[in-house]
């Protein structure tokens, strides 16, 4: 149950950070959105063998962390949640590209260079997107997207998806709590009540809570 509470808190964590009052938070959302977009395009424009050119781009999120007074560890943990998918995509590069290049007198496979480049790019882009939400808030970000003439239907879908994730998580937590009160000592939900558990929603809590 504590994992569910932690997940709900994790979803609301960025919204809580967006309520702070710092120099970065006070910048107009449109300016922050446009800056982030340009940053993403510039990072993505680097070639697959480029690593040294990406390193200066690390300073931008570092400056945001400092000026916005954001906690680095919780945000970086969210970035690490995405990295396994990136590793799964790029880990095959060393197997398919066995050609070597000399760097500082050391022979290194080009596959490992491309893998590291993908890893750095993904880390930079994900952390900057998280920082944008953490310093702007989803509502203001949606308004900035409309200023960029993003179709209203896409903005509404983004907002509804973001908001209803937390709503669904809270609903699942209430249902699990009601079930645990009705069946103490059970780990998880018994298979025979899966149908009623999924179909009744709030009614399940009213019946068994």
Protein backbone atom coordinates (compact mmCIF):
# COMPACT_ATOMS: atom_id res chain seq x y z
CA UNK A 1 0.00 0.00 0.00
CA UNK A 2 2.84 2.36 0.75
CA UNK A 3 4.04 1.93 -2.84
CA UNK A 4 0.67 3.19 -4.08
CA UNK A 5 0.83 6.25 -1.81
CA UNK A 6 4.38 6.88 -3.01
CA UNK A 7 3.22 6.69 -6.65
CA UNK A 8 0.44 9.21 -6.02
CA UNK A 9 2.89 11.56 -4.31
CA UNK A 10 5.34 11.11 -7.17
CA UNK A 11 2.74 12.23 -9.70
CA UNK A 12 1.88 15.36 -7.70
CA UNK A 13 5.51 16.12 -6.92
CA UNK A 14 6.12 18.15 -10.08
CA UNK A 15 2.93 20.17 -9.52
CA UNK A 16 4.12 21.05 -6.03
CA UNK A 17 7.50 22.16 -7.38
CA UNK A 18 5.79 24.34 -9.98
CA UNK A 19 4.17 26.41 -7.20
CA UNK A 20 7.50 27.76 -5.98
CA UNK A 21 8.39 31.43 -6.49
CA UNK A 22 11.85 31.78 -7.99
CA UNK A 23 13.39 33.69 -10.88
CA UNK A 24 12.91 30.71 -13.20
CA UNK A 25 9.33 30.08 -12.09
CA UNK A 26 8.43 33.72 -12.76
CA UNK A 27 9.58 33.59 -16.39
CA UNK A 28 6.69 33.56 -18.86
CA UNK A 29 5.66 29.96 -19.73
CA UNK A 30 5.86 30.68 -23.45
CA UNK A 31 9.50 31.77 -23.14
CA UNK A 32 10.38 28.63 -21.18
CA UNK A 33 8.56 26.40 -23.66
CA UNK A 34 10.26 28.01 -26.65
CA UNK A 35 13.69 27.82 -24.98
CA UNK A 36 13.16 24.15 -24.17
CA UNK A 37 12.06 23.41 -27.73
CA UNK A 38 15.17 25.10 -29.17
CA UNK A 39 17.34 23.20 -26.67
CA UNK A 40 15.80 19.87 -27.70
CA UNK A 41 16.30 20.59 -31.39
CA UNK A 42 19.93 21.55 -30.85
CA UNK A 43 20.68 18.43 -28.79
CA UNK A 44 18.94 16.16 -31.29
CA UNK A 45 20.82 17.75 -34.21
CA UNK A 46 24.19 16.35 -33.12
CA UNK A 47 25.52 13.39 -35.05
CA UNK A 48 25.51 9.90 -33.65
CA UNK A 49 29.30 9.94 -33.08
CA UNK A 50 29.28 13.29 -31.28
CA UNK A 51 29.98 13.27 -27.54
CA UNK A 52 32.27 16.16 -26.69
CA UNK A 53 29.93 18.64 -28.37
CA UNK A 54 27.08 17.53 -26.10
CA UNK A 55 28.93 18.12 -22.84
CA UNK A 56 28.44 21.94 -22.75
CA UNK A 57 24.69 21.36 -22.89
CA UNK A 58 24.85 19.86 -19.40
CA UNK A 59 25.25 23.38 -17.98
CA UNK A 60 21.72 24.43 -18.96
CA UNK A 61 19.87 21.97 -16.67
CA UNK A 62 22.46 22.59 -13.95
CA UNK A 63 21.68 26.33 -14.06
CA UNK A 64 17.94 25.61 -13.97
CA UNK A 65 18.39 23.36 -10.94
CA UNK A 66 20.32 26.08 -9.13
CA UNK A 67 18.16 29.11 -9.99
CA UNK A 68 14.84 27.28 -9.54
CA UNK A 69 15.97 25.75 -6.24
CA UNK A 70 14.83 22.28 -7.30
CA UNK A 71 15.86 19.06 -5.54
CA UNK A 72 18.20 17.22 -7.88
CA UNK A 73 17.89 13.67 -6.52
CA UNK A 74 14.10 13.15 -6.94
CA UNK A 75 14.16 14.58 -10.45
CA UNK A 76 17.20 12.57 -11.51
CA UNK A 77 15.50 9.43 -10.20
CA UNK A 78 12.70 10.07 -12.67
CA UNK A 79 15.24 10.42 -15.45
CA UNK A 80 16.80 7.09 -14.49
CA UNK A 81 13.39 5.44 -14.83
CA UNK A 82 13.52 6.18 -18.56
CA UNK A 83 17.14 5.22 -19.15
CA UNK A 84 16.57 1.41 -19.15
CA UNK A 85 14.43 1.84 -22.27
CA UNK A 86 17.21 3.88 -23.89
CA UNK A 87 19.78 1.26 -22.92
CA UNK A 88 17.58 -1.40 -24.47
CA UNK A 89 17.49 0.59 -27.73
CA UNK A 90 21.18 1.44 -27.94
CA UNK A 91 22.85 -1.60 -26.41
CA UNK A 92 22.83 -3.41 -29.74
CA UNK A 93 24.95 -0.73 -31.41
CA UNK A 94 28.30 -2.20 -30.23
CA UNK A 95 27.30 -5.53 -31.78
CA UNK A 96 26.38 -4.13 -35.19
CA UNK A 97 29.15 -1.53 -35.48
CA UNK A 98 32.48 -3.18 -34.67
CA UNK A 99 34.67 -0.62 -36.43
CA UNK A 100 37.14 1.03 -34.08
CA UNK A 101 38.42 4.57 -33.77
CA UNK A 102 41.41 5.89 -31.85
CA UNK A 103 40.61 8.26 -28.98
CA UNK A 104 43.54 9.36 -26.86
CA UNK A 105 45.57 6.44 -28.14
CA UNK A 106 42.87 3.94 -27.15
CA UNK A 107 40.93 1.90 -29.70
CA UNK A 108 37.18 2.18 -29.03
CA UNK A 109 34.36 0.59 -30.96
CA UNK A 110 32.19 3.08 -32.82
CA UNK A 111 29.17 1.19 -31.53
CA UNK A 112 30.01 2.18 -27.96
CA UNK A 113 30.45 5.79 -29.06
CA UNK A 114 26.99 5.87 -30.65
CA UNK A 115 25.53 4.15 -27.59
CA UNK A 116 27.03 6.76 -25.26
CA UNK A 117 25.85 9.55 -27.54
CA UNK A 118 22.28 8.22 -27.46
CA UNK A 119 22.47 7.83 -23.68
CA UNK A 120 23.62 11.43 -23.16
CA UNK A 121 21.07 12.86 -25.59
CA UNK A 122 18.19 11.00 -23.97
CA UNK A 123 19.28 12.03 -20.48
CA UNK A 124 19.53 15.70 -21.44
CA UNK A 125 16.20 15.81 -23.27
CA UNK A 126 14.28 13.98 -20.53
CA UNK A 127 15.68 16.05 -17.67
CA UNK A 128 14.97 19.32 -19.50
CA UNK A 129 11.36 18.29 -20.18
CA UNK A 130 10.89 17.38 -16.51
CA UNK A 131 12.40 20.71 -15.47
CA UNK A 132 9.99 22.51 -17.78
CA UNK A 133 7.01 20.92 -16.04
CA UNK A 134 8.54 21.40 -12.58
CA UNK A 135 9.09 25.12 -13.14
CA UNK A 136 5.93 25.89 -15.12
CA UNK A 137 3.07 23.59 -14.20
CA UNK A 138 0.94 21.67 -16.64
CA UNK A 139 -1.85 24.25 -16.82
CA UNK A 140 0.48 27.11 -17.74
CA UNK A 141 2.34 24.82 -20.12
CA UNK A 142 -0.92 24.00 -21.88
CA UNK A 143 -1.64 27.71 -22.26
CA UNK A 144 1.83 28.20 -23.77
CA UNK A 145 1.17 25.37 -26.23
CA UNK A 146 -1.99 27.13 -27.35
CA UNK A 147 0.05 30.29 -27.91
CA UNK A 148 2.18 28.21 -30.28
CA UNK A 149 -1.02 27.33 -32.16
CA UNK A 150 -0.94 23.69 -31.10
CA UNK A 151 -4.42 22.30 -31.89
CA UNK A 152 -6.77 22.54 -28.94
CA UNK A 153 -7.70 18.86 -29.09
CA UNK A 154 -4.07 17.80 -28.56
CA UNK A 155 -3.64 20.18 -25.63
CA UNK A 156 -6.84 18.91 -24.01
CA UNK A 157 -5.73 15.30 -24.46
CA UNK A 158 -2.40 16.12 -22.84
CA UNK A 159 -4.08 17.79 -19.87
CA UNK A 160 -6.65 15.03 -19.41
CA UNK A 161 -4.00 12.33 -19.59
CA UNK A 162 -1.81 14.09 -17.06
CA UNK A 163 -4.65 14.87 -14.66
CA UNK A 164 -6.48 11.56 -14.86
CA UNK A 165 -3.36 9.51 -14.15
CA UNK A 166 -3.39 10.85 -10.59
CA UNK A 167 -7.18 10.45 -10.36
CA UNK A 168 -6.96 6.81 -11.43
CA UNK A 169 -4.09 6.16 -9.03
CA UNK A 170 -6.14 7.61 -6.15
CA UNK A 171 -9.12 5.48 -7.15
CA UNK A 172 -7.02 2.32 -7.23
CA UNK A 173 -5.62 3.19 -3.81
CA UNK A 174 -9.11 3.63 -2.33
CA UNK A 175 -10.27 0.35 -3.85
CA UNK A 176 -7.24 -1.52 -2.54
CA UNK A 177 -7.74 -0.01 0.90
CA UNK A 178 -11.40 -1.10 0.90
CA UNK A 179 -10.41 -4.60 -0.17
CA UNK A 180 -7.69 -4.85 2.49
CA UNK A 181 -10.24 -3.92 5.17
CA UNK A 182 -12.64 -6.58 3.89
CA UNK A 183 -9.92 -9.25 3.50
CA UNK A 184 -7.12 -8.52 6.00
CA UNK A 185 -3.92 -10.43 5.57
CA UNK A 186 -4.36 -11.00 1.84
CA UNK A 187 -1.50 -9.95 -0.40
CA UNK A 188 -2.87 -8.37 -3.52
CA UNK A 189 -6.39 -8.95 -4.83
CA UNK A 190 -7.73 -12.50 -5.10
CA UNK A 191 -8.41 -13.65 -8.66
CA UNK A 192 -12.07 -14.45 -7.95
CA UNK A 193 -12.91 -10.80 -7.25
CA UNK A 194 -10.97 -9.26 -10.13
CA UNK A 195 -14.14 -8.75 -12.16
CA UNK A 196 -16.08 -6.94 -9.46
CA UNK A 197 -12.96 -5.09 -8.33
CA UNK A 198 -12.37 -3.65 -11.80
CA UNK A 199 -16.02 -3.03 -12.63
CA UNK A 200 -17.46 -1.46 -9.49
CA UNK A 201 -14.93 1.35 -8.82
CA UNK A 202 -16.30 3.59 -6.09
CA UNK A 203 -19.10 1.13 -5.49
CA UNK A 204 -16.54 -1.41 -4.31
CA UNK A 205 -15.40 0.96 -1.58
CA UNK A 206 -18.98 1.68 -0.55
CA UNK A 207 -19.79 -2.02 -0.36
CA UNK A 208 -16.64 -3.31 1.31
CA UNK A 209 -15.17 -0.17 2.93
